[in-house]
Structures are given as structure tokens and as C-alpha cells.
Amino acid sequence: MAETKMNTLERRGEVRDRILAAAINEFAENGLRGASTQRIADRAGITKTRLHYYIISKDDVYREALEHVAASWVRLFEGTQADTSDPVSFLTHYIDRKVRFCLERPDEVRLFANEVMRGAPILRQTWHDARRSVQHAAGMIEGWAEAGLIRRVDPVLFQFHLWAITEQYATRMSEVRYMLALEDDMDLEVERIVEEMTAFVLGGLGLDPAGRGLTRSE
């Protein structure tokens, strides 16, 4: 009996995961206003009637999709497996993870960007958690500067710059492919992108990517 109940819960969890993935795709492509619950159901491979067994409304699943993406951003930064006292190691690992995440899940990036561009009416209700994460990261960055490990930067603006460049290839994928003369079925050179971006960020902080500390006195 317990095993049957567990299987049922697992199946429900799988359906919810499919709905969430379908909703992210639909909202990224058509926005909140242009999205339809029928297309979300179609993308998830279920009927519209069954969809509404799991969600209350289109707005409800839109909010859930946004919260999922926002939580992913926080996990990417806070879950970076590198020494937080070493800016070269930490940023190298973070940039690599963030770029790969954005390229593998571009619809999540586009969904988030679209919400912010329309004034973030939904995200504003949940941004307090993200702000705490930003303030925590700012403290870490300020600590690097205090220890003389990086040149001084505005620790919050630096995070915005970091988000912008790591998300660029997802939000402007079609432009990137065109400018690089790549066909739609051709993969981007991820290693090259990560290497160039890491050198750019570390260089901006006065760091040597080889890990030898500041390249000039600040």
C-alpha cells in the first residue's frame, strides 16, 4: 500500500515537473499575455482538464515558473564549489557553471529577463530573498577588496555586470549565431566563451587568471 502511494506521488511529481518545464517554454516564447494554458498542456503532453488539476490559473503557474528560475540563480552562486576566500577560483567556477546553465536552459533566462523588462510586477513580491543573497555576495566581494585580493569595485554593480555577460548568450542567441556565422544546429564553443569571459572578468578586477593575484597595485 505504501509503495503504491509512493509511486502515485512520484508520478504526480513527474507531471508537475513536465508542467513547469512546459510553462517555462511557453512563457519564454509568448510572454504572460500571449501564453495559453492549452499550449502549456500540449507541451506537457496532458489534457487541459488534467492541467487544471495541478494549477489554479495561468498566473499561478507563471509565478511558480519565475520563483523556480529565481531560486536557480541563488543556488548557482551559493552552490559554487570553490574557496570563497579565493576570488580567482570562485569566479572561475561560478562563470563556468552560470554560462553552461544559461546555454542549456535558455528559456529560463529569457523568461526571467522578460519579466524584469516589463517592470517585474511578480518578481518584486519575492525579491527580498534574492536581495539577501545579493547582500551576502556583496559582503564577500568587499572582503576580497579589503584583503587586497581585487581592486575595489561597487560590489552590487559588479554582480549586475556579471549577470549581464553570463546571460548574454541565452537572451541574444539568434544574434550570436548570426554574427558567428553558425547554423541553428551548430553548437557554440562553450569552452571558448567561458575562457574569454573569465579572462575579461578577472582582468577587470585586476586579477591574473593564472591565480597570481593582483596584476597591478590599486
Protein backbone atom coordinates (compact mmCIF):
# COMPACT_ATOMS: atom_id res chain seq x y z
CA MET A 1 0.00 0.00 0.00
CA ALA A 2 2.81 2.39 0.96
CA GLU A 3 4.67 1.52 -2.24
CA THR A 4 1.58 2.26 -4.34
CA LYS A 5 1.16 5.62 -2.63
CA MET A 6 4.82 6.41 -3.24
CA ASN A 7 4.51 5.53 -6.93
CA THR A 8 1.46 7.76 -7.21
CA LEU A 9 3.31 10.66 -5.59
CA GLU A 10 6.28 10.12 -7.88
CA ARG A 11 4.04 10.15 -10.95
CA ARG A 12 2.38 13.35 -9.75
CA GLY A 13 5.81 14.87 -9.19
CA GLU A 14 6.86 13.92 -12.72
CA VAL A 15 3.71 15.50 -14.16
CA ARG A 16 4.31 18.70 -12.18
CA ASP A 17 7.88 18.81 -13.46
CA ARG A 18 6.63 18.44 -17.03
CA ILE A 19 4.08 21.19 -16.50
CA LEU A 20 6.71 23.52 -15.05
CA ALA A 21 9.09 22.86 -17.96
CA ALA A 22 6.27 23.35 -20.47
CA ALA A 23 5.19 26.59 -18.77
CA ILE A 24 8.74 27.97 -18.85
CA ASN A 25 8.99 27.21 -22.58
CA GLU A 26 5.57 28.74 -23.30
CA PHE A 27 6.11 31.91 -21.26
CA ALA A 28 9.63 32.42 -22.64
CA GLU A 29 8.29 32.20 -26.17
CA ASN A 30 4.99 34.08 -25.84
CA GLY A 31 5.10 36.07 -22.60
CA LEU A 32 2.42 36.03 -19.92
CA ARG A 33 -0.25 37.67 -22.05
CA GLY A 34 0.40 35.64 -25.18
CA ALA A 35 0.76 32.29 -23.43
CA SER A 36 -2.16 29.86 -23.24
CA THR A 37 -2.91 27.05 -20.84
CA GLN A 38 -3.90 24.88 -23.80
CA ARG A 39 -0.40 25.15 -25.26
CA ILE A 40 1.14 24.52 -21.84
CA ALA A 41 -0.94 21.33 -21.59
CA ASP A 42 0.07 20.33 -25.12
CA ARG A 43 3.76 20.89 -24.36
CA ALA A 44 3.43 18.84 -21.17
CA GLY A 45 1.64 16.04 -23.03
CA ILE A 46 -1.53 16.18 -20.95
CA THR A 47 -5.09 17.42 -21.43
CA LYS A 48 -6.10 20.92 -20.43
CA THR A 49 -8.56 19.41 -17.94
CA ARG A 50 -5.76 17.48 -16.26
CA LEU A 51 -3.53 20.56 -16.30
CA HIS A 52 -6.04 22.44 -14.17
CA TYR A 53 -5.96 19.62 -11.66
CA TYR A 54 -2.38 20.75 -10.93
CA ILE A 55 -2.60 24.52 -11.40
CA ILE A 56 -5.10 27.18 -10.39
CA SER A 57 -4.56 29.54 -13.30
CA LYS A 58 -2.08 30.76 -15.90
CA ASP A 59 -0.93 33.46 -13.48
CA ASP A 60 -0.38 30.81 -10.82
CA VAL A 61 1.94 28.67 -12.94
CA TYR A 62 3.70 31.82 -14.25
CA ARG A 63 4.54 32.81 -10.68
CA GLU A 64 5.78 29.28 -9.94
CA ALA A 65 7.98 29.33 -13.04
CA LEU A 66 9.53 32.66 -12.05
CA GLU A 67 10.18 31.52 -8.49
CA HIS A 68 11.84 28.39 -9.84
CA VAL A 69 14.21 30.42 -12.03
CA ALA A 70 14.97 32.97 -9.30
CA ALA A 71 15.84 30.16 -6.89
CA SER A 72 18.10 28.62 -9.54
CA TRP A 73 20.13 31.86 -9.76
CA VAL A 74 20.67 31.86 -5.99
CA ARG A 75 21.67 28.18 -5.97
CA LEU A 76 24.15 28.75 -8.79
CA PHE A 77 26.01 31.40 -6.80
CA GLU A 78 25.73 29.98 -3.31
CA GLY A 79 26.36 26.42 -4.51
CA THR A 80 29.62 27.17 -6.31
CA GLN A 81 32.09 24.57 -5.10
CA ALA A 82 35.15 26.77 -4.68
CA ASP A 83 37.03 28.57 -1.93
CA THR A 84 35.11 31.80 -1.25
CA SER A 85 38.32 33.41 0.04
CA ASP A 86 39.95 32.98 -3.38
CA PRO A 87 38.33 35.27 -5.99
CA VAL A 88 40.11 33.63 -8.93
CA SER A 89 38.94 30.14 -8.02
CA PHE A 90 35.43 31.22 -7.03
CA LEU A 91 34.70 33.38 -10.07
CA THR A 92 36.26 30.87 -12.46
CA HIS A 93 33.95 28.14 -11.20
CA TYR A 94 30.89 30.40 -11.00
CA ILE A 95 31.25 31.78 -14.53
CA ASP A 96 31.70 28.28 -15.93
CA ARG A 97 28.57 26.99 -14.17
CA LYS A 98 26.46 30.05 -14.98
CA VAL A 99 27.33 30.13 -18.68
CA ARG A 100 26.65 26.41 -19.10
CA PHE A 101 23.37 26.73 -17.22
CA CYS A 102 22.24 29.61 -19.44
CA LEU A 103 23.16 27.80 -22.65
CA GLU A 104 21.49 24.58 -21.55
CA ARG A 105 18.34 26.30 -20.26
CA PRO A 106 17.94 29.47 -22.32
CA ASP A 107 14.16 29.62 -21.88
CA GLU A 108 14.60 30.08 -18.13
CA VAL A 109 16.91 33.03 -18.77
CA ARG A 110 14.53 34.57 -21.31
CA LEU A 111 11.53 34.14 -19.02
CA PHE A 112 13.32 35.94 -16.20
CA ALA A 113 14.61 38.70 -18.49
CA ASN A 114 11.16 39.28 -19.99
CA GLU A 115 9.61 39.63 -16.55
CA VAL A 116 12.23 42.16 -15.47
CA MET A 117 11.80 44.15 -18.69
CA ARG A 118 8.07 44.50 -18.09
CA GLY A 119 8.71 46.00 -14.67
CA ALA A 120 8.90 42.76 -12.65
CA PRO A 121 5.40 43.01 -11.11
CA ILE A 122 5.51 39.39 -9.97
CA LEU A 123 9.19 39.14 -9.08
CA ARG A 124 9.01 42.23 -6.88
CA GLN A 125 6.88 40.22 -4.46
CA THR A 126 9.65 37.65 -3.95
CA TRP A 127 12.82 39.69 -4.44
CA HIS A 128 13.50 40.04 -0.72
CA ASP A 129 15.15 36.58 -0.73
CA ALA A 130 17.24 37.47 -3.77
CA ARG A 131 18.29 40.75 -2.13
CA ARG A 132 19.64 38.87 0.88
CA SER A 133 21.68 36.71 -1.49
CA VAL A 134 22.98 39.81 -3.28
CA GLN A 135 23.95 41.43 0.01
CA HIS A 136 25.73 38.25 1.11
CA ALA A 137 27.69 38.17 -2.15
CA ALA A 138 28.45 41.90 -1.81
CA GLY A 139 29.99 41.23 1.59
CA MET A 140 32.19 38.53 0.09
CA ILE A 141 33.34 40.84 -2.72
CA GLU A 142 34.06 43.65 -0.28
CA GLY A 143 36.07 41.16 1.78
CA TRP A 144 38.24 40.40 -1.24
CA ALA A 145 38.90 44.10 -1.72
CA GLU A 146 39.66 44.66 1.98
CA ALA A 147 42.19 41.82 1.83
CA GLY A 148 43.85 43.38 -1.22
CA LEU A 149 42.89 40.44 -3.43
CA ILE A 150 41.00 42.51 -6.03
CA ARG A 151 40.76 46.16 -6.97
CA ARG A 152 37.85 47.97 -5.37
CA VAL A 153 34.55 47.78 -7.22
CA ASP A 154 30.95 48.52 -6.35
CA PRO A 155 30.01 45.04 -5.07
CA VAL A 156 26.37 45.22 -6.22
CA LEU A 157 27.03 46.74 -9.64
CA PHE A 158 29.71 44.12 -10.17
CA GLN A 159 27.09 41.43 -9.70
CA PHE A 160 24.82 43.08 -12.28
CA HIS A 161 27.70 43.16 -14.75
CA LEU A 162 28.43 39.50 -14.06
CA TRP A 163 24.78 38.51 -14.58
CA ALA A 164 24.57 40.51 -17.79
CA ILE A 165 27.52 38.92 -19.54
CA THR A 166 26.82 35.37 -18.38
CA GLU A 167 23.20 35.57 -19.56
CA GLN A 168 24.00 37.33 -22.84
CA TYR A 169 24.33 34.20 -24.96
CA ALA A 170 20.91 32.94 -23.92
CA THR A 171 18.94 36.16 -24.39
CA ARG A 172 20.62 37.01 -27.71
CA MET A 173 21.24 33.54 -29.08
CA SER A 174 19.94 34.24 -32.59
CA GLU A 175 22.18 37.32 -32.91
CA VAL A 176 25.20 35.43 -31.60
CA ARG A 177 24.65 32.63 -34.11
CA TYR A 178 24.26 35.09 -36.98
CA MET A 179 27.35 37.11 -36.11
CA LEU A 180 29.43 33.94 -35.69
CA ALA A 181 28.02 32.51 -38.94
CA LEU A 182 26.64 29.44 -37.17
CA GLU A 183 23.70 27.38 -38.37
CA ASP A 184 20.86 26.68 -35.92
CA ASP A 185 22.02 23.09 -35.41
CA MET A 186 25.63 24.05 -34.68
CA ASP A 187 26.80 24.22 -31.07
CA LEU A 188 28.51 27.26 -29.65
CA GLU A 189 32.10 26.87 -28.50
CA VAL A 190 31.30 26.83 -24.79
CA GLU A 191 34.88 26.40 -23.62
CA ARG A 192 35.98 29.39 -25.68
CA ILE A 193 33.12 31.55 -24.36
CA VAL A 194 33.88 30.62 -20.76
CA GLU A 195 37.62 31.19 -21.20
CA GLU A 196 37.16 34.62 -22.82
CA MET A 197 34.56 35.72 -20.29
CA THR A 198 36.58 34.56 -17.30
CA ALA A 199 39.69 36.40 -18.51
CA PHE A 200 37.57 39.53 -19.09
CA VAL A 201 36.03 39.49 -15.59
CA LEU A 202 39.23 38.65 -13.75
CA GLY A 203 41.17 41.21 -15.74
CA GLY A 204 38.59 43.86 -14.81
CA LEU A 205 39.26 43.10 -11.15
CA GLY A 206 42.99 43.43 -11.71
CA LEU A 207 43.47 39.68 -11.40
CA ASP A 208 45.71 37.28 -13.24
CA PRO A 209 43.66 34.25 -14.43
CA ALA A 210 46.64 32.07 -13.53
CA GLY A 211 45.88 32.87 -9.90
CA ARG A 212 48.89 35.04 -9.08
CA GLY A 213 46.82 37.80 -7.50
CA LEU A 214 46.55 41.46 -8.49
CA THR A 215 48.40 42.32 -11.68
CA ARG A 216 48.89 45.95 -10.66
CA SER A 217 48.78 47.98 -7.47
CA GLU A 218 45.44 49.63 -6.66
